[in-house]
PDB file of all heavy atoms in Angstrom:
ATOM      1  N   ARG A   1      24.429   5.042   2.470  1.00  0.00           N
ATOM      2  CA  ARG A   1      24.308   6.457   2.080  1.00  0.00           C
ATOM      3  C   ARG A   1      22.868   6.747   1.696  1.00  0.00           C
ATOM      4  O   ARG A   1      22.133   5.894   1.250  1.00  0.00           O
ATOM      5  CB  ARG A   1      25.227   6.734   0.891  1.00  0.00           C
ATOM      6  CG  ARG A   1      26.712   6.678   1.203  1.00  0.00           C
ATOM      7  CD  ARG A   1      27.523   6.958  -0.031  1.00  0.00           C
ATOM      8  NE  ARG A   1      27.196   8.268  -0.607  1.00  0.00           N
ATOM      9  CZ  ARG A   1      27.575   8.641  -1.832  1.00  0.00           C
ATOM     10  NH1 ARG A   1      28.238   7.819  -2.610  1.00  0.00           N
ATOM     11  NH2 ARG A   1      27.226   9.845  -2.289  1.00  0.00           N
ATOM     12  N   PRO A   2      22.462   8.013   1.864  1.00  0.00           N
ATOM     13  CA  PRO A   2      21.094   8.384   1.511  1.00  0.00           C
ATOM     14  C   PRO A   2      20.860   8.253   0.002  1.00  0.00           C
ATOM     15  O   PRO A   2      21.715   8.585  -0.809  1.00  0.00           O
ATOM     16  CB  PRO A   2      20.988   9.846   1.948  1.00  0.00           C
ATOM     17  CG  PRO A   2      22.119  10.054   2.919  1.00  0.00           C
ATOM     18  CD  PRO A   2      23.213   9.146   2.479  1.00  0.00           C
ATOM     19  N   LEU A   3      19.678   7.777  -0.365  1.00  0.00           N
ATOM     20  CA  LEU A   3      19.272   7.740  -1.758  1.00  0.00           C
ATOM     21  C   LEU A   3      17.842   8.239  -1.899  1.00  0.00           C
ATOM     22  O   LEU A   3      17.030   8.145  -0.985  1.00  0.00           O
ATOM     23  CB  LEU A   3      19.416   6.343  -2.367  1.00  0.00           C
ATOM     24  CG  LEU A   3      18.511   5.202  -1.898  1.00  0.00           C
ATOM     25  CD1 LEU A   3      17.163   5.232  -2.619  1.00  0.00           C
ATOM     26  CD2 LEU A   3      19.182   3.860  -2.187  1.00  0.00           C
ATOM     27  N   SER A   4      17.552   8.755  -3.075  1.00  0.00           N
ATOM     28  CA  SER A   4      16.212   9.189  -3.398  1.00  0.00           C
ATOM     29  C   SER A   4      16.013   8.998  -4.890  1.00  0.00           C
ATOM     30  O   SER A   4      16.725   8.193  -5.503  1.00  0.00           O
ATOM     31  CB  SER A   4      15.997  10.665  -2.964  1.00  0.00           C
ATOM     32  OG  SER A   4      14.628  11.018  -3.163  1.00  0.00           O
ATOM     33  N   PHE A   5      15.086   9.764  -5.477  1.00  0.00           N
ATOM     34  CA  PHE A   5      14.751   9.629  -6.899  1.00  0.00           C
ATOM     35  C   PHE A   5      14.529  11.004  -7.491  1.00  0.00           C
ATOM     36  O   PHE A   5      14.336  11.983  -6.760  1.00  0.00           O
ATOM     37  CB  PHE A   5      13.518   8.720  -7.054  1.00  0.00           C
ATOM     38  CG  PHE A   5      13.656   7.422  -6.303  1.00  0.00           C
ATOM     39  CD1 PHE A   5      13.123   7.282  -5.017  1.00  0.00           C
ATOM     40  CD2 PHE A   5      14.357   6.369  -6.842  1.00  0.00           C
ATOM     41  CE1 PHE A   5      13.277   6.101  -4.331  1.00  0.00           C
ATOM     42  CE2 PHE A   5      14.526   5.190  -6.154  1.00  0.00           C
ATOM     43  CZ  PHE A   5      13.986   5.043  -4.879  1.00  0.00           C
ATOM     44  N   PRO A   6      14.547  11.128  -8.818  1.00  0.00           N
ATOM     45  CA  PRO A   6      14.454  12.457  -9.446  1.00  0.00           C
ATOM     46  C   PRO A   6      13.236  13.271  -9.012  1.00  0.00           C
ATOM     47  O   PRO A   6      13.325  14.482  -8.898  1.00  0.00           O
ATOM     48  CB  PRO A   6      14.403  12.128 -10.940  1.00  0.00           C
ATOM     49  CG  PRO A   6      15.133  10.832 -11.059  1.00  0.00           C
ATOM     50  CD  PRO A   6      14.783  10.072  -9.827  1.00  0.00           C
ATOM     51  N   GLU A   7      12.102  12.631  -8.782  1.00  0.00           N
ATOM     52  CA  GLU A   7      10.897  13.334  -8.329  1.00  0.00           C
ATOM     53  C   GLU A   7      10.608  13.114  -6.858  1.00  0.00           C
ATOM     54  O   GLU A   7       9.472  13.232  -6.421  1.00  0.00           O
ATOM     55  CB  GLU A   7       9.697  12.940  -9.185  1.00  0.00           C
ATOM     56  CG  GLU A   7       9.805  13.425 -10.628  1.00  0.00           C
ATOM     57  CD  GLU A   7      10.011  14.945 -10.717  1.00  0.00           C
ATOM     58  OE1 GLU A   7       9.298  15.679  -9.999  1.00  0.00           O
ATOM     59  OE2 GLU A   7      10.893  15.386 -11.462  1.00  0.00           O
ATOM     60  N   GLY A   8      11.666  12.794  -6.101  1.00  0.00           N
ATOM     61  CA  GLY A   8      11.510  12.687  -4.675  1.00  0.00           C
ATOM     62  C   GLY A   8      11.299  11.277  -4.175  1.00  0.00           C
ATOM     63  O   GLY A   8      11.083  10.336  -4.945  1.00  0.00           O
ATOM     64  N   LEU A   9      11.325  11.134  -2.861  1.00  0.00           N
ATOM     65  CA  LEU A   9      11.195   9.813  -2.241  1.00  0.00           C
ATOM     66  C   LEU A   9       9.840   9.209  -2.494  1.00  0.00           C
ATOM     67  O   LEU A   9       9.674   7.978  -2.440  1.00  0.00           O
ATOM     68  CB  LEU A   9      11.449   9.938  -0.730  1.00  0.00           C
ATOM     69  CG  LEU A   9      11.677   8.636   0.030  1.00  0.00           C
ATOM     70  CD1 LEU A   9      12.852   7.860  -0.553  1.00  0.00           C
ATOM     71  CD2 LEU A   9      11.914   8.904   1.502  1.00  0.00           C
ATOM     72  N   ALA A  10       8.812  10.029  -2.773  1.00  0.00           N
ATOM     73  CA  ALA A  10       7.473   9.511  -3.038  1.00  0.00           C
ATOM     74  C   ALA A  10       7.412   8.623  -4.269  1.00  0.00           C
ATOM     75  O   ALA A  10       6.419   7.882  -4.442  1.00  0.00           O
ATOM     76  CB  ALA A  10       6.476  10.672  -3.180  1.00  0.00           C
ATOM     77  N   GLU A  11       8.439   8.640  -5.102  1.00  0.00           N
ATOM     78  CA  GLU A  11       8.451   7.728  -6.230  1.00  0.00           C
ATOM     79  C   GLU A  11       8.397   6.263  -5.768  1.00  0.00           C
ATOM     80  O   GLU A  11       7.812   5.417  -6.453  1.00  0.00           O
ATOM     81  CB  GLU A  11       9.723   7.925  -7.084  1.00  0.00           C
ATOM     82  CG  GLU A  11       9.678   9.123  -8.005  1.00  0.00           C
ATOM     83  CD  GLU A  11      10.696   9.034  -9.115  1.00  0.00           C
ATOM     84  OE1 GLU A  11      10.887   7.898  -9.646  1.00  0.00           O
ATOM     85  OE2 GLU A  11      11.305  10.035  -9.424  1.00  0.00           O
ATOM     86  N   LEU A  12       9.000   5.985  -4.606  1.00  0.00           N
ATOM     87  CA  LEU A  12       9.045   4.598  -4.122  1.00  0.00           C
ATOM     88  C   LEU A  12       7.659   4.088  -3.751  1.00  0.00           C
ATOM     89  O   LEU A  12       7.244   3.043  -4.289  1.00  0.00           O
ATOM     90  CB  LEU A  12      10.003   4.469  -2.930  1.00  0.00           C
ATOM     91  CG  LEU A  12      10.144   3.071  -2.280  1.00  0.00           C
ATOM     92  CD1 LEU A  12      10.569   2.058  -3.320  1.00  0.00           C
ATOM     93  CD2 LEU A  12      11.126   3.122  -1.115  1.00  0.00           C
ATOM     94  N   PRO A  13       6.882   4.741  -2.881  1.00  0.00           N
ATOM     95  CA  PRO A  13       5.540   4.226  -2.604  1.00  0.00           C
ATOM     96  C   PRO A  13       4.638   4.225  -3.820  1.00  0.00           C
ATOM     97  O   PRO A  13       3.798   3.348  -3.974  1.00  0.00           O
ATOM     98  CB  PRO A  13       5.028   5.137  -1.478  1.00  0.00           C
ATOM     99  CG  PRO A  13       5.880   6.329  -1.524  1.00  0.00           C
ATOM    100  CD  PRO A  13       7.217   5.870  -1.984  1.00  0.00           C
ATOM    101  N   ARG A  14       4.816   5.224  -4.697  1.00  0.00           N
ATOM    102  CA  ARG A  14       3.969   5.241  -5.920  1.00  0.00           C
ATOM    103  C   ARG A  14       4.250   4.024  -6.794  1.00  0.00           C
ATOM    104  O   ARG A  14       3.318   3.406  -7.340  1.00  0.00           O
ATOM    105  CB  ARG A  14       4.204   6.541  -6.716  1.00  0.00           C
ATOM    106  CG  ARG A  14       3.516   7.759  -6.129  1.00  0.00           C
ATOM    107  CD  ARG A  14       3.383   8.852  -7.169  1.00  0.00           C
ATOM    108  NE  ARG A  14       4.671   9.302  -7.672  1.00  0.00           N
ATOM    109  CZ  ARG A  14       5.325  10.363  -7.189  1.00  0.00           C
ATOM    110  NH1 ARG A  14       4.802  11.063  -6.183  1.00  0.00           N
ATOM    111  NH2 ARG A  14       6.471  10.749  -7.693  1.00  0.00           N
ATOM    112  N   ALA A  15       5.516   3.684  -6.965  1.00  0.00           N
ATOM    113  CA  ALA A  15       5.878   2.516  -7.785  1.00  0.00           C
ATOM    114  C   ALA A  15       5.369   1.228  -7.149  1.00  0.00           C
ATOM    115  O   ALA A  15       4.891   0.339  -7.859  1.00  0.00           O
ATOM    116  CB  ALA A  15       7.391   2.466  -7.975  1.00  0.00           C
ATOM    117  N   LEU A  16       5.461   1.115  -5.828  1.00  0.00           N
ATOM    118  CA  LEU A  16       4.966  -0.087  -5.159  1.00  0.00           C
ATOM    119  C   LEU A  16       3.451  -0.183  -5.304  1.00  0.00           C
ATOM    120  O   LEU A  16       2.927  -1.291  -5.531  1.00  0.00           O
ATOM    121  CB  LEU A  16       5.362  -0.059  -3.674  1.00  0.00           C
ATOM    122  CG  LEU A  16       6.853  -0.154  -3.362  1.00  0.00           C
ATOM    123  CD1 LEU A  16       7.138   0.126  -1.905  1.00  0.00           C
ATOM    124  CD2 LEU A  16       7.391  -1.529  -3.760  1.00  0.00           C
ATOM    125  N   ALA A  17       2.750   0.919  -5.189  1.00  0.00           N
ATOM    126  CA  ALA A  17       1.297   0.916  -5.315  1.00  0.00           C
ATOM    127  C   ALA A  17       0.898   0.558  -6.737  1.00  0.00           C
ATOM    128  O   ALA A  17      -0.055  -0.194  -6.963  1.00  0.00           O
ATOM    129  CB  ALA A  17       0.728   2.280  -4.925  1.00  0.00           C
ATOM    130  N   THR A  18       1.628   1.102  -7.717  1.00  0.00           N
ATOM    131  CA  THR A  18       1.320   0.788  -9.116  1.00  0.00           C
ATOM    132  C   THR A  18       1.491  -0.704  -9.397  1.00  0.00           C
ATOM    133  O   THR A  18       0.690  -1.344 -10.082  1.00  0.00           O
ATOM    134  CB  THR A  18       2.217   1.587 -10.050  1.00  0.00           C
ATOM    135  OG1 THR A  18       1.955   2.992  -9.849  1.00  0.00           O
ATOM    136  CG2 THR A  18       1.967   1.249 -11.515  1.00  0.00           C
ATOM    137  N   ALA A  19       2.572  -1.288  -8.840  1.00  0.00           N
ATOM    138  CA  ALA A  19       2.838  -2.718  -9.038  1.00  0.00           C
ATOM    139  C   ALA A  19       1.742  -3.575  -8.410  1.00  0.00           C
ATOM    140  O   ALA A  19       1.394  -4.630  -8.951  1.00  0.00           O
ATOM    141  CB  ALA A  19       4.194  -3.097  -8.459  1.00  0.00           C
ATOM    142  N   LEU A  20       1.167  -3.122  -7.284  1.00  0.00           N
ATOM    143  CA  LEU A  20       0.096  -3.888  -6.651  1.00  0.00           C
ATOM    144  C   LEU A  20      -1.195  -3.816  -7.414  1.00  0.00           C
ATOM    145  O   LEU A  20      -2.009  -4.732  -7.395  1.00  0.00           O
ATOM    146  CB  LEU A  20      -0.131  -3.361  -5.228  1.00  0.00           C
ATOM    147  CG  LEU A  20       0.948  -3.717  -4.180  1.00  0.00           C
ATOM    148  CD1 LEU A  20       0.722  -2.927  -2.900  1.00  0.00           C
ATOM    149  CD2 LEU A  20       0.945  -5.208  -3.885  1.00  0.00           C
ATOM    150  N   GLY A  21      -1.378  -2.719  -8.165  1.00  0.00           N
ATOM    151  CA  GLY A  21      -2.568  -2.599  -9.020  1.00  0.00           C
ATOM    152  C   GLY A  21      -3.863  -2.694  -8.251  1.00  0.00           C
ATOM    153  O   GLY A  21      -4.073  -2.056  -7.237  1.00  0.00           O
ATOM    154  N   ALA A  22      -4.755  -3.572  -8.746  1.00  0.00           N
ATOM    155  CA  ALA A  22      -6.086  -3.722  -8.134  1.00  0.00           C
ATOM    156  C   ALA A  22      -6.031  -4.338  -6.743  1.00  0.00           C
ATOM    157  O   ALA A  22      -7.032  -4.325  -6.011  1.00  0.00           O
ATOM    158  CB  ALA A  22      -6.989  -4.571  -9.037  1.00  0.00           C
ATOM    159  N   ARG A  23      -4.856  -4.883  -6.356  1.00  0.00           N
ATOM    160  CA  ARG A  23      -4.739  -5.453  -5.013  1.00  0.00           C
ATOM    161  C   ARG A  23      -4.707  -4.377  -3.947  1.00  0.00           C
ATOM    162  O   ARG A  23      -4.895  -4.662  -2.758  1.00  0.00           O
ATOM    163  CB  ARG A  23      -3.504  -6.319  -4.924  1.00  0.00           C
ATOM    164  CG  ARG A  23      -3.597  -7.624  -5.683  1.00  0.00           C
ATOM    165  CD  ARG A  23      -2.310  -8.386  -5.731  1.00  0.00           C
ATOM    166  NE  ARG A  23      -1.311  -7.697  -6.581  1.00  0.00           N
ATOM    167  CZ  ARG A  23      -0.215  -8.253  -7.067  1.00  0.00           C
ATOM    168  NH1 ARG A  23       0.037  -9.525  -6.805  1.00  0.00           N
ATOM    169  NH2 ARG A  23       0.619  -7.576  -7.807  1.00  0.00           N
ATOM    170  N   ARG A  24      -4.477  -3.122  -4.367  1.00  0.00           N
ATOM    171  CA  ARG A  24      -4.536  -1.985  -3.434  1.00  0.00           C
ATOM    172  C   ARG A  24      -5.878  -1.287  -3.600  1.00  0.00           C
ATOM    173  O   ARG A  24      -6.237  -0.905  -4.704  1.00  0.00           O
ATOM    174  CB  ARG A  24      -3.406  -1.006  -3.689  1.00  0.00           C
ATOM    175  CG  ARG A  24      -3.463   0.242  -2.811  1.00  0.00           C
ATOM    176  CD  ARG A  24      -2.311   1.190  -3.143  1.00  0.00           C
ATOM    177  NE  ARG A  24      -2.367   2.393  -2.315  1.00  0.00           N
ATOM    178  CZ  ARG A  24      -2.930   3.556  -2.672  1.00  0.00           C
ATOM    179  NH1 ARG A  24      -3.491   3.673  -3.886  1.00  0.00           N
ATOM    180  NH2 ARG A  24      -2.953   4.575  -1.874  1.00  0.00           N
ATOM    181  N   ARG A  25      -6.606  -1.143  -2.531  1.00  0.00           N
ATOM    182  CA  ARG A  25      -7.882  -0.449  -2.567  1.00  0.00           C
ATOM    183  C   ARG A  25      -7.876   0.684  -1.562  1.00  0.00           C
ATOM    184  O   ARG A  25      -7.331   0.561  -0.465  1.00  0.00           O
ATOM    185  CB  ARG A  25      -9.051  -1.396  -2.310  1.00  0.00           C
ATOM    186  CG  ARG A  25      -9.024  -2.059  -0.949  1.00  0.00           C
ATOM    187  CD  ARG A  25     -10.267  -2.908  -0.725  1.00  0.00           C
ATOM    188  NE  ARG A  25     -10.232  -4.134  -1.530  1.00  0.00           N
ATOM    189  CZ  ARG A  25     -11.234  -5.016  -1.610  1.00  0.00           C
ATOM    190  NH1 ARG A  25     -12.328  -4.796  -0.913  1.00  0.00           N
ATOM    191  NH2 ARG A  25     -11.122  -6.093  -2.355  1.00  0.00           N
ATOM    192  N   VAL A  26      -8.469   1.805  -1.996  1.00  0.00           N
ATOM    193  CA  VAL A  26      -8.539   2.985  -1.110  1.00  0.00           C
ATOM    194  C   VAL A  26      -9.851   2.905  -0.341  1.00  0.00           C
ATOM    195  O   VAL A  26     -10.946   3.049  -0.895  1.00  0.00           O
ATOM    196  CB  VAL A  26      -8.474   4.294  -1.917  1.00  0.00           C
ATOM    197  CG1 VAL A  26      -8.593   5.484  -0.983  1.00  0.00           C
ATOM    198  CG2 VAL A  26      -7.172   4.351  -2.699  1.00  0.00           C
ATOM    199  N   ALA A  27      -9.746   2.631   0.931  1.00  0.00           N
ATOM    200  CA  ALA A  27     -10.898   2.488   1.812  1.00  0.00           C
ATOM    201  C   ALA A  27     -10.395   2.549   3.257  1.00  0.00           C
ATOM    202  O   ALA A  27      -9.214   2.343   3.527  1.00  0.00           O
ATOM    203  CB  ALA A  27     -11.606   1.180   1.580  1.00  0.00           C
ATOM    204  N   ARG A  28     -11.311   2.839   4.177  1.00  0.00           N
ATOM    205  CA  ARG A  28     -10.957   2.872   5.591  1.00  0.00           C
ATOM    206  C   ARG A  28     -11.447   1.622   6.278  1.00  0.00           C
ATOM    207  O   ARG A  28     -12.607   1.203   6.121  1.00  0.00           O
ATOM    208  CB  ARG A  28     -11.582   4.090   6.291  1.00  0.00           C
ATOM    209  CG  ARG A  28     -11.201   4.219   7.769  1.00  0.00           C
ATOM    210  CD  ARG A  28     -11.870   5.460   8.370  1.00  0.00           C
ATOM    211  NE  ARG A  28     -11.328   6.665   7.795  1.00  0.00           N
ATOM    212  CZ  ARG A  28     -10.204   7.271   8.187  1.00  0.00           C
ATOM    213  NH1 ARG A  28      -9.493   6.756   9.170  1.00  0.00           N
ATOM    214  NH2 ARG A  28      -9.811   8.380   7.616  1.00  0.00           N
ATOM    215  N   ALA A  29     -10.533   0.952   6.985  1.00  0.00           N
ATOM    216  CA  ALA A  29     -10.896  -0.220   7.783  1.00  0.00           C
ATOM    217  C   ALA A  29     -11.614   0.285   9.050  1.00  0.00           C
ATOM    218  O   ALA A  29     -11.025   0.959   9.868  1.00  0.00           O
ATOM    219  CB  ALA A  29      -9.667  -1.028   8.148  1.00  0.00           C
ATOM    220  N   ARG A  30     -12.900  -0.045   9.156  1.00  0.00           N
ATOM    221  CA  ARG A  30     -13.719   0.454  10.270  1.00  0.00           C
ATOM    222  C   ARG A  30     -13.716  -0.456  11.476  1.00  0.00           C
ATOM    223  O   ARG A  30     -13.817  -0.002  12.609  1.00  0.00           O
ATOM    224  CB  ARG A  30     -15.171   0.647   9.775  1.00  0.00           C
ATOM    225  CG  ARG A  30     -15.306   1.583   8.604  1.00  0.00           C
ATOM    226  CD  ARG A  30     -15.088   3.007   9.031  1.00  0.00           C
ATOM    227  NE  ARG A  30     -15.270   3.948   7.925  1.00  0.00           N
ATOM    228  CZ  ARG A  30     -15.127   5.284   8.054  1.00  0.00           C
ATOM    229  NH1 ARG A  30     -14.818   5.782   9.237  1.00  0.00           N
ATOM    230  NH2 ARG A  30     -15.294   6.084   7.027  1.00  0.00           N
ATOM    231  N   ALA A  31     -13.651  -1.761  11.241  1.00  0.00           N
ATOM    232  CA  ALA A  31     -13.693  -2.735  12.335  1.00  0.00           C
ATOM    233  C   ALA A  31     -13.106  -4.045  11.894  1.00  0.00           C
ATOM    234  O   ALA A  31     -12.985  -4.314  10.691  1.00  0.00           O
ATOM    235  CB  ALA A  31     -15.154  -2.928  12.799  1.00  0.00           C
ATOM    236  N   LEU A  32     -12.749  -4.841  12.875  1.00  0.00           N
ATOM    237  CA  LEU A  32     -12.102  -6.131  12.638  1.00  0.00           C
ATOM    238  C   LEU A  32     -12.728  -7.141  13.569  1.00  0.00           C
ATOM    239  O   LEU A  32     -12.836  -6.876  14.783  1.00  0.00           O
ATOM    240  CB  LEU A  32     -10.599  -5.969  12.900  1.00  0.00           C
ATOM    241  CG  LEU A  32      -9.663  -7.148  12.696  1.00  0.00           C
ATOM    242  CD1 LEU A  32      -9.625  -7.541  11.208  1.00  0.00           C
ATOM    243  CD2 LEU A  32      -8.255  -6.777  13.169  1.00  0.00           C
ATOM    244  N   GLU A  33     -13.093  -8.302  13.034  1.00  0.00           N
ATOM    245  CA  GLU A  33     -13.677  -9.340  13.900  1.00  0.00           C
ATOM    246  C   GLU A  33     -13.321 -10.722  13.382  1.00  0.00           C
ATOM    247  O   GLU A  33     -13.119 -10.931  12.170  1.00  0.00           O
ATOM    248  CB  GLU A  33     -15.188  -9.182  13.954  1.00  0.00           C
ATOM    249  CG  GLU A  33     -15.903  -9.392  12.620  1.00  0.00           C
ATOM    250  CD  GLU A  33     -17.403  -9.264  12.747  1.00  0.00           C
ATOM    251  OE1 GLU A  33     -17.895  -8.698  13.740  1.00  0.00           O
ATOM    252  OE2 GLU A  33     -18.101  -9.731  11.824  1.00  0.00           O
ATOM    253  N   PRO A  34     -13.201 -11.705  14.296  1.00  0.00           N
ATOM    254  CA  PRO A  34     -12.931 -13.072  13.862  1.00  0.00           C
ATOM    255  C   PRO A  34     -14.079 -13.599  12.989  1.00  0.00           C
ATOM    256  O   PRO A  34     -15.241 -13.248  13.175  1.00  0.00           O
ATOM    257  CB  PRO A  34     -12.820 -13.833  15.174  1.00  0.00           C
ATOM    258  CG  PRO A  34     -12.567 -12.814  16.214  1.00  0.00           C
ATOM    259  CD  PRO A  34     -13.267 -11.578  15.763  1.00  0.00           C
ATOM    260  N   ALA A  35     -13.711 -14.397  12.034  1.00  0.00           N
ATOM    261  CA  ALA A  35     -14.706 -15.017  11.124  1.00  0.00           C
ATOM    262  C   ALA A  35     -14.219 -16.428  10.824  1.00  0.00           C
ATOM    263  O   ALA A  35     -13.088 -16.814  11.140  1.00  0.00           O
ATOM    264  CB  ALA A  35     -14.864 -14.225   9.839  1.00  0.00           C
ATOM    265  N   ALA A  36     -15.088 -17.212  10.225  1.00  0.00           N
ATOM    266  CA  ALA A  36     -14.744 -18.600   9.888  1.00  0.00           C
ATOM    267  C   ALA A  36     -13.508 -18.607   8.999  1.00  0.00           C
ATOM    268  O   ALA A  36     -13.489 -17.992   7.928  1.00  0.00           O
ATOM    269  CB  ALA A  36     -15.929 -19.267   9.178  1.00  0.00           C
ATOM    270  N   GLY A  37     -12.486 -19.301   9.444  1.00  0.00           N
ATOM    271  CA  GLY A  37     -11.267 -19.414   8.642  1.00  0.00           C
ATOM    272  C   GLY A  37     -10.369 -18.207   8.710  1.00  0.00           C
ATOM    273  O   GLY A  37      -9.372 -18.129   7.960  1.00  0.00           O
ATOM    274  N   GLY A  38     -10.653 -17.245   9.571  1.00  0.00           N
ATOM    275  CA  GLY A  38      -9.767 -16.103   9.671  1.00  0.00           C
ATOM    276  C   GLY A  38     -10.422 -14.871  10.216  1.00  0.00           C
ATOM    277  O   GLY A  38     -10.934 -14.890  11.349  1.00  0.00           O
ATOM    278  N   TRP A  39     -10.439 -13.794   9.424  1.00  0.00           N
ATOM    279  CA  TRP A  39     -10.860 -12.480   9.896  1.00  0.00           C
ATOM    280  C   TRP A  39     -11.782 -11.814   8.889  1.00  0.00           C
ATOM    281  O   TRP A  39     -11.683 -12.031   7.678  1.00  0.00           O
ATOM    282  CB  TRP A  39      -9.659 -11.589  10.177  1.00  0.00           C
ATOM    283  CG  TRP A  39      -8.837 -12.068  11.303  1.00  0.00           C
ATOM    284  CD1 TRP A  39      -7.809 -12.950  11.233  1.00  0.00           C
ATOM    285  CD2 TRP A  39      -9.014 -11.746  12.684  1.00  0.00           C
ATOM    286  NE1 TRP A  39      -7.299 -13.178  12.501  1.00  0.00           N
ATOM    287  CE2 TRP A  39      -8.017 -12.427  13.395  1.00  0.00           C
ATOM    288  CE3 TRP A  39      -9.880 -10.914  13.381  1.00  0.00           C
ATOM    289  CZ2 TRP A  39      -7.871 -12.346  14.771  1.00  0.00           C
ATOM    290  CZ3 TRP A  39      -9.752 -10.806  14.742  1.00  0.00           C
ATOM    291  CH2 TRP A  39      -8.730 -11.509  15.433  1.00  0.00           C
TER     292      TRP A  39
END
């Protein structure tokens, strides 16, 4: 069945982002290239 939250479905991504804390950064990924040990 459909579920949501009192202030809308956006509560879910907001709560996930809050839990990630400093591990979430607002920035645009401009390019991707191989590097030693990964990317």
